[in-house]
Protein backbone atom coordinates (compact mmCIF):
# COMPACT_ATOMS: atom_id res chain seq x y z
CA MET A 1 27.31 -19.53 -38.57
CA THR A 2 26.75 -15.78 -38.98
CA LYS A 3 29.50 -13.75 -37.37
CA ALA A 4 28.44 -12.16 -34.14
CA ASN A 5 28.35 -8.76 -32.51
CA ILE A 6 30.84 -8.81 -29.64
CA LEU A 7 30.92 -6.41 -26.70
CA LEU A 8 34.50 -6.13 -25.39
CA VAL A 9 34.75 -4.65 -21.88
CA GLU A 10 38.44 -3.88 -21.36
CA ASP A 11 39.98 -0.78 -19.72
CA ASN A 12 43.50 -1.54 -20.99
CA LYS A 13 43.43 0.32 -24.31
CA PRO A 14 46.45 -1.39 -25.93
CA GLN A 15 45.12 -4.80 -24.91
CA ALA A 16 41.62 -3.89 -26.13
CA LYS A 17 43.03 -2.77 -29.49
CA VAL A 18 44.91 -6.04 -29.97
CA ILE A 19 41.82 -8.14 -29.16
CA LYS A 20 39.54 -5.95 -31.29
CA ASN A 21 41.82 -6.13 -34.32
CA TYR A 22 42.14 -9.89 -34.06
CA LEU A 23 38.38 -10.43 -33.74
CA GLU A 24 37.57 -8.08 -36.61
CA LYS A 25 40.04 -9.94 -38.85
CA ASN A 26 37.98 -13.03 -38.07
CA GLY A 27 34.82 -11.29 -39.27
CA TYR A 28 33.27 -10.22 -35.96
CA HIS A 29 31.78 -6.81 -35.30
CA VAL A 30 33.33 -5.49 -32.06
CA VAL A 31 32.18 -2.68 -29.76
CA CYS A 32 34.66 -1.64 -27.05
CA VAL A 33 33.87 -0.02 -23.70
CA GLU A 34 36.17 0.63 -20.76
CA ASP A 35 34.06 0.31 -17.58
CA GLY A 36 31.13 -1.47 -16.01
CA MET A 37 28.51 1.25 -16.42
CA ALA A 38 29.30 1.59 -20.11
CA ALA A 39 29.02 -2.20 -20.39
CA PHE A 40 25.51 -2.12 -18.87
CA LYS A 41 24.39 0.56 -21.31
CA ALA A 42 25.88 -1.12 -24.36
CA ALA A 43 24.53 -4.56 -23.44
CA LYS A 44 20.99 -3.22 -22.97
CA THR A 45 20.85 -0.90 -25.98
CA SER A 46 22.85 -2.77 -28.63
CA ALA A 47 22.39 -6.07 -30.41
CA VAL A 48 25.05 -8.02 -28.50
CA ASP A 49 25.61 -11.72 -29.13
CA ILE A 50 28.45 -12.30 -26.68
CA ILE A 51 30.33 -10.29 -24.04
CA LEU A 52 34.07 -10.47 -23.32
CA LEU A 53 34.32 -9.03 -19.82
CA ASP A 54 37.53 -8.10 -18.04
CA ARG A 55 37.56 -8.97 -14.34
CA ILE A 56 39.34 -5.76 -13.28
CA LEU A 57 37.54 -2.54 -14.26
CA PRO A 58 38.03 1.05 -13.07
CA ASP A 59 34.54 1.53 -11.60
CA MET A 60 33.55 -1.92 -10.32
CA ASP A 61 34.53 -5.57 -10.23
CA GLY A 62 33.82 -7.48 -13.43
CA SER A 63 32.10 -10.21 -11.42
CA GLU A 64 29.59 -7.64 -10.19
CA VAL A 65 28.97 -6.47 -13.75
CA CYS A 66 28.42 -10.09 -14.75
CA ARG A 67 26.01 -10.67 -11.87
CA TRP A 68 23.83 -7.68 -12.81
CA LEU A 69 23.82 -8.58 -16.49
CA LYS A 70 22.62 -12.10 -15.62
CA LEU A 71 19.88 -10.70 -13.38
CA ASP A 72 18.53 -8.38 -16.07
CA GLN A 73 15.75 -9.83 -18.22
CA SER A 74 17.08 -8.31 -21.44
CA THR A 75 20.71 -9.45 -21.04
CA ARG A 76 20.66 -12.62 -18.94
CA ASP A 77 20.79 -14.95 -21.95
CA THR A 78 23.82 -13.23 -23.50
CA PRO A 79 26.95 -15.44 -23.07
CA ILE A 80 29.73 -13.88 -21.01
CA ILE A 81 33.40 -14.90 -21.14
CA MET A 82 35.41 -13.48 -18.24
CA LEU A 83 38.95 -12.26 -19.04
CA THR A 84 41.46 -11.67 -16.24
CA ALA A 85 45.14 -11.52 -15.51
CA LYS A 86 44.51 -13.25 -12.20
CA GLY A 87 45.20 -16.94 -12.09
CA ALA A 88 43.90 -17.84 -8.65
CA MET A 89 41.20 -20.51 -8.49
CA SER A 90 39.13 -18.28 -6.19
CA ASP A 91 38.92 -15.62 -8.91
CA LYS A 92 37.77 -18.19 -11.45
CA ILE A 93 35.14 -19.48 -9.04
CA SER A 94 33.99 -15.93 -8.28
CA GLY A 95 33.43 -15.21 -11.96
CA LEU A 96 31.57 -18.44 -12.59
CA GLU A 97 29.43 -17.96 -9.48
CA ALA A 98 28.48 -14.53 -10.81
CA GLY A 99 27.03 -16.24 -13.88
CA ALA A 100 29.90 -16.19 -16.39
CA ASP A 101 29.54 -18.84 -19.08
CA ASP A 102 33.30 -19.27 -19.54
CA TYR A 103 36.59 -18.06 -18.10
CA LEU A 104 39.86 -17.28 -19.91
CA PRO A 105 42.96 -16.13 -17.97
CA LYS A 106 45.41 -13.65 -19.50
CA PRO A 107 47.64 -13.93 -21.35
CA PHE A 108 45.61 -16.14 -23.66
CA ASP A 109 46.21 -17.53 -27.09
CA GLU A 110 44.08 -15.66 -29.63
CA SER A 111 43.06 -18.83 -31.42
CA GLU A 112 41.84 -20.25 -28.12
CA LEU A 113 39.75 -17.12 -27.60
CA ASN A 114 38.22 -17.60 -31.03
CA VAL A 115 37.42 -21.24 -30.25
CA ARG A 116 35.82 -20.27 -26.93
CA ILE A 117 33.71 -17.59 -28.65
CA PHE A 118 32.62 -20.01 -31.35
CA ALA A 119 31.65 -22.65 -28.78
CA ARG A 120 29.56 -20.20 -26.75
CA LEU A 121 27.84 -18.83 -29.85
CA ARG A 122 27.06 -22.35 -31.00
CA THR A 123 25.51 -23.13 -27.62
CA LYS A 124 23.53 -19.90 -27.72
CA THR A 125 22.27 -20.71 -31.22
CA HIS A 126 21.06 -24.10 -30.03
CA GLN A 127 19.39 -22.51 -27.00
CA ASP A 128 17.71 -19.89 -29.19
CA GLU A 129 16.45 -22.59 -31.54
CA LEU A 130 15.12 -24.55 -28.58
CA LYS A 131 13.35 -21.47 -27.22
CA LYS A 132 11.84 -20.83 -30.65
CA LYS A 133 10.58 -24.41 -30.82
CA ASN A 134 9.21 -24.12 -27.29
CA ARG A 135 7.35 -20.93 -28.22
CA GLN A 136 5.96 -22.65 -31.31
CA LEU A 137 4.87 -25.60 -29.16
CA GLU A 138 3.25 -23.26 -26.62
CA ASP A 139 1.43 -21.45 -29.43
CA MET A 140 0.23 -24.76 -30.82
CA LEU A 141 -0.95 -25.92 -27.39
CA THR A 142 -2.74 -22.61 -26.89
CA ARG A 143 -4.52 -23.04 -30.22
CA VAL A 144 -5.43 -26.65 -29.37
CA GLU A 145 -6.72 -25.57 -25.95
CA SER A 146 -8.71 -22.79 -27.58
CA LEU A 147 -10.27 -25.25 -30.01
CA ALA A 148 -11.18 -27.49 -27.09
CA ILE A 149 -13.06 -24.79 -25.14
CA MET A 150 -14.29 -22.34 -27.79
CA ASP A 151 -17.15 -22.60 -30.24
CA PRO A 152 -15.41 -22.19 -33.62
CA LEU A 153 -18.32 -20.35 -35.26
CA THR A 154 -19.23 -17.73 -32.66
CA GLY A 155 -15.92 -17.39 -30.80
CA ILE A 156 -17.51 -17.82 -27.35
CA TYR A 157 -17.22 -20.80 -24.99
CA ASN A 158 -18.61 -24.14 -26.10
CA ARG A 159 -20.94 -26.30 -24.02
CA ARG A 160 -18.13 -28.41 -22.57
CA ARG A 161 -16.27 -25.41 -21.21
CA PHE A 162 -19.45 -23.83 -19.91
CA GLU A 163 -20.36 -26.97 -17.97
CA SER A 164 -16.91 -26.99 -16.36
CA ILE A 165 -17.30 -23.36 -15.25
CA PHE A 166 -20.87 -24.01 -14.15
CA THR A 167 -19.76 -26.89 -11.93
CA ASN A 168 -17.27 -24.70 -10.06
CA GLU A 169 -19.65 -21.75 -9.76
CA PHE A 170 -22.52 -23.91 -8.53
CA LYS A 171 -20.31 -25.48 -5.84
CA ARG A 172 -19.08 -22.05 -4.74
CA ALA A 173 -22.58 -20.56 -4.67
CA SER A 174 -23.98 -23.53 -2.75
CA ARG A 175 -21.17 -23.54 -0.21
CA TYR A 176 -21.27 -19.82 0.57
CA GLN A 177 -25.02 -19.34 0.04
CA LEU A 178 -24.50 -16.98 -2.88
CA PRO A 179 -27.03 -16.29 -5.63
CA LEU A 180 -26.37 -17.76 -9.08
CA THR A 181 -28.58 -17.53 -12.16
CA CYS A 182 -28.64 -19.04 -15.60
CA MET A 183 -30.28 -17.82 -18.83
CA MET A 184 -31.21 -20.25 -21.57
CA ILE A 185 -31.57 -18.39 -24.88
CA ASP A 186 -33.08 -19.66 -28.11
CA ILE A 187 -33.35 -17.85 -31.46
CA ASP A 188 -36.98 -17.70 -32.57
CA HIS A 189 -37.89 -19.38 -35.87
CA PHE A 190 -34.25 -20.11 -36.64
CA LYS A 191 -35.12 -23.05 -38.87
CA LEU A 192 -37.07 -20.69 -41.12
CA ILE A 193 -33.95 -18.52 -41.51
CA ASN A 194 -31.91 -21.54 -42.63
CA ASP A 195 -34.66 -22.81 -44.91
CA ALA A 196 -35.30 -19.43 -46.53
CA HIS A 197 -31.75 -18.12 -46.86
CA GLY A 198 -29.40 -21.08 -46.33
CA HIS A 199 -27.07 -22.17 -43.57
CA GLN A 200 -24.50 -19.49 -44.38
CA GLU A 201 -27.12 -16.88 -43.52
CA GLY A 202 -27.99 -18.81 -40.37
CA ASP A 203 -24.32 -18.86 -39.34
CA ALA A 204 -24.11 -15.08 -39.82
CA VAL A 205 -27.11 -14.63 -37.50
CA LEU A 206 -25.55 -16.92 -34.86
CA LYS A 207 -22.31 -14.93 -34.89
CA GLU A 208 -24.17 -11.64 -34.61
CA ILE A 209 -26.32 -12.90 -31.74
CA ALA A 210 -23.16 -14.02 -29.90
CA ARG A 211 -21.68 -10.53 -30.29
CA ILE A 212 -24.86 -8.91 -28.96
CA ILE A 213 -24.87 -11.24 -25.94
CA GLN A 214 -21.23 -10.44 -25.18
CA SER A 215 -21.79 -6.69 -25.46
CA THR A 216 -24.92 -6.76 -23.27
CA ILE A 217 -23.89 -8.92 -20.31
CA ARG A 218 -21.31 -8.15 -17.61
CA GLU A 219 -17.64 -9.14 -17.78
CA VAL A 220 -18.11 -11.55 -14.85
CA ASP A 221 -20.89 -13.40 -16.69
CA THR A 222 -20.09 -16.45 -18.81
CA PRO A 223 -21.75 -16.77 -22.22
CA ALA A 224 -21.58 -19.96 -24.28
CA ARG A 225 -23.14 -21.62 -27.25
CA TRP A 226 -25.21 -24.46 -25.85
CA GLY A 227 -25.84 -26.07 -29.21
CA GLY A 228 -27.59 -25.31 -32.50
CA GLU A 229 -29.38 -21.97 -32.10
CA GLU A 230 -29.29 -22.06 -28.29
CA PHE A 231 -27.05 -19.97 -26.07
CA VAL A 232 -26.60 -19.89 -22.31
CA VAL A 233 -25.36 -17.25 -19.87
CA LEU A 234 -24.21 -17.89 -16.29
CA SER A 235 -24.36 -14.93 -13.88
CA PRO A 236 -22.59 -15.32 -10.52
CA ASN A 237 -23.64 -13.28 -7.48
CA THR A 238 -26.89 -12.41 -9.22
CA ASN A 239 -30.37 -13.12 -7.89
CA LYS A 240 -33.25 -14.03 -10.17
CA GLU A 241 -34.83 -10.57 -10.08
CA LYS A 242 -31.68 -8.91 -11.38
CA ALA A 243 -31.18 -11.70 -13.89
CA LEU A 244 -34.68 -11.14 -15.28
CA LEU A 245 -33.85 -7.47 -15.79
CA ALA A 246 -30.61 -8.42 -17.56
CA ALA A 247 -32.47 -10.94 -19.71
CA GLU A 248 -35.01 -8.31 -20.71
CA ARG A 249 -32.20 -5.94 -21.69
CA LEU A 250 -30.72 -8.68 -23.85
CA ARG A 251 -34.07 -9.49 -25.44
CA LYS A 252 -34.64 -5.84 -26.34
CA ALA A 253 -31.07 -5.52 -27.68
CA VAL A 254 -31.62 -8.40 -30.09
CA ALA A 255 -35.14 -7.34 -31.09
CA GLY A 256 -33.95 -3.82 -31.81
CA HIS A 257 -30.83 -4.82 -33.68
CA ALA A 258 -30.65 -4.42 -37.44
CA PHE A 259 -28.76 -7.37 -38.90
CA ALA A 260 -27.24 -5.24 -41.65
CA ARG A 261 -24.87 -7.84 -43.08
CA THR A 262 -27.57 -10.49 -43.49
CA GLU A 263 -30.77 -10.81 -45.48
CA THR A 264 -32.55 -11.48 -42.19
CA LYS A 265 -33.04 -7.95 -40.87
CA LYS A 266 -35.05 -8.73 -37.73
CA VAL A 267 -34.44 -11.57 -35.27
CA THR A 268 -35.91 -12.21 -31.83
CA ILE A 269 -35.01 -14.53 -28.98
CA SER A 270 -36.84 -16.32 -26.18
CA ILE A 271 -35.15 -16.52 -22.77
CA GLY A 272 -35.72 -18.70 -19.73
CA VAL A 273 -34.19 -17.77 -16.37
CA ALA A 274 -33.53 -20.02 -13.38
CA GLY A 275 -31.43 -19.46 -10.29
CA ILE A 276 -30.51 -20.29 -6.74
CA PRO A 277 -31.21 -20.05 -3.90
CA ASP A 278 -34.13 -22.33 -4.68
CA PRO A 279 -34.79 -25.48 -2.63
CA SER A 280 -35.94 -27.37 -5.73
CA LEU A 281 -32.72 -26.66 -7.65
CA ASP A 282 -30.18 -28.67 -5.68
CA SER A 283 -27.99 -29.53 -8.67
CA GLN A 284 -26.69 -27.77 -11.74
CA ASP A 285 -28.56 -30.21 -13.98
CA LYS A 286 -31.85 -29.24 -12.36
CA MET A 287 -30.99 -25.58 -12.72
CA ILE A 288 -30.24 -25.95 -16.44
CA HIS A 289 -33.40 -27.99 -16.92
CA ALA A 290 -35.46 -25.33 -15.13
CA ALA A 291 -34.03 -22.58 -17.34
CA ASP A 292 -34.70 -24.72 -20.39
CA LEU A 293 -38.33 -25.29 -19.39
CA ALA A 294 -38.79 -21.56 -18.77
CA MET A 295 -37.37 -20.85 -22.22
CA TYR A 296 -39.87 -23.23 -23.83
CA GLU A 297 -42.60 -21.53 -21.81
CA ALA A 298 -41.51 -18.22 -23.37
CA LYS A 299 -41.82 -19.78 -26.81
CA LYS A 300 -45.23 -21.22 -26.00
CA ASN A 301 -46.42 -17.82 -24.81
CA GLY A 302 -45.61 -16.10 -28.08
CA ARG A 303 -41.79 -15.90 -28.34
CA ASN A 304 -39.68 -12.75 -28.06
CA ARG A 305 -40.15 -12.76 -24.29
CA VAL A 306 -38.54 -13.70 -20.99
CA GLU A 307 -39.93 -16.27 -18.55
CA SER A 308 -38.80 -17.25 -15.08
CA ALA A 309 -38.56 -20.81 -13.81
C-alpha cells in the first residue's frame, strides 16, 4: 500500500514532534497544525489521506472539528482518528458521534497507532475502489440507457423513446385540453441518393438532416428518427397553425442548406402536420397516422412542401 499523507492536529508541540517523527520513520508524509481552523484549511486544500485529530484544541473542541469535516463534501470521506488524554467513555462516545472513524486514548503505543492508521487506510482504499467500480457501473448503465433510447446514427431519440414521450404528452394534452402537434418528415427521393452515391452518402444526409431539425425546432419540442429516412417532431402546447409555420421554416431550412460534406448538394423534405384538439384524433395512433397521411399528400402534390391533416 502506498504510504499516505497524514494531517496531524495537535497543539502540544513536543507531543506532535514525537508523533510526527515516528510516522515519518514509517514512511508517511506528515503535515502538522495546532488548531481547528488550521485543520479545516489543511484538510480542504491539501491531499490528505487520514487525519489524526486531538480532542482538546486551543480554539474549539476536536469533536466539533470532526463534525464539520464530516459534513463537508470535500472532506467527509477522509478517515479521522481521534486522539485524547481523556479516558471517560462519554468522551469516546462524543468523538464517535461526531463522525470519527476510530478513537485512541493517550498515552498510546506507537505501534498501535501505526496499526490503526493502516487499518483505516485499508478500509478507505476498499471504499475508494468500490466507489470507482460504482462510477464505472453507472457510466456503463448510462451508455446502455443511451443506446436504448437514442438512434445511433443521428444521435436523436429513436422511435421507441419517442412513442414513450408521445404517450405522456398526449395524456397530458387530452386531460388539460392543451394543444399538441406532430410533424411527420420524409426525405424526398432518398432511395435515389443511396442508389447513386451509396449508403454511406445516405447516412451522411440523414445525420445532417437531424442536425438541421434540432437547430430549427424549439428546445421543448421532441425530435426523433421514426425509421429509414423518416423523422418525427412532437410539439407540446402548439396549435396546428403555429406548427404549420414551424414546419415551413424547417422545410425552407433543409431546401436552402448546402450539404457541403456530401456529394448530394441539395436535399428536400416533405412534411405532414396533425394535431389536437381535433375530435377525430382521439388517440396518439390516429394522430401519427393523420400526420403520416398528410406527409404522403405532400409527396403526391409535388414534394418539398408541407400539408396539414
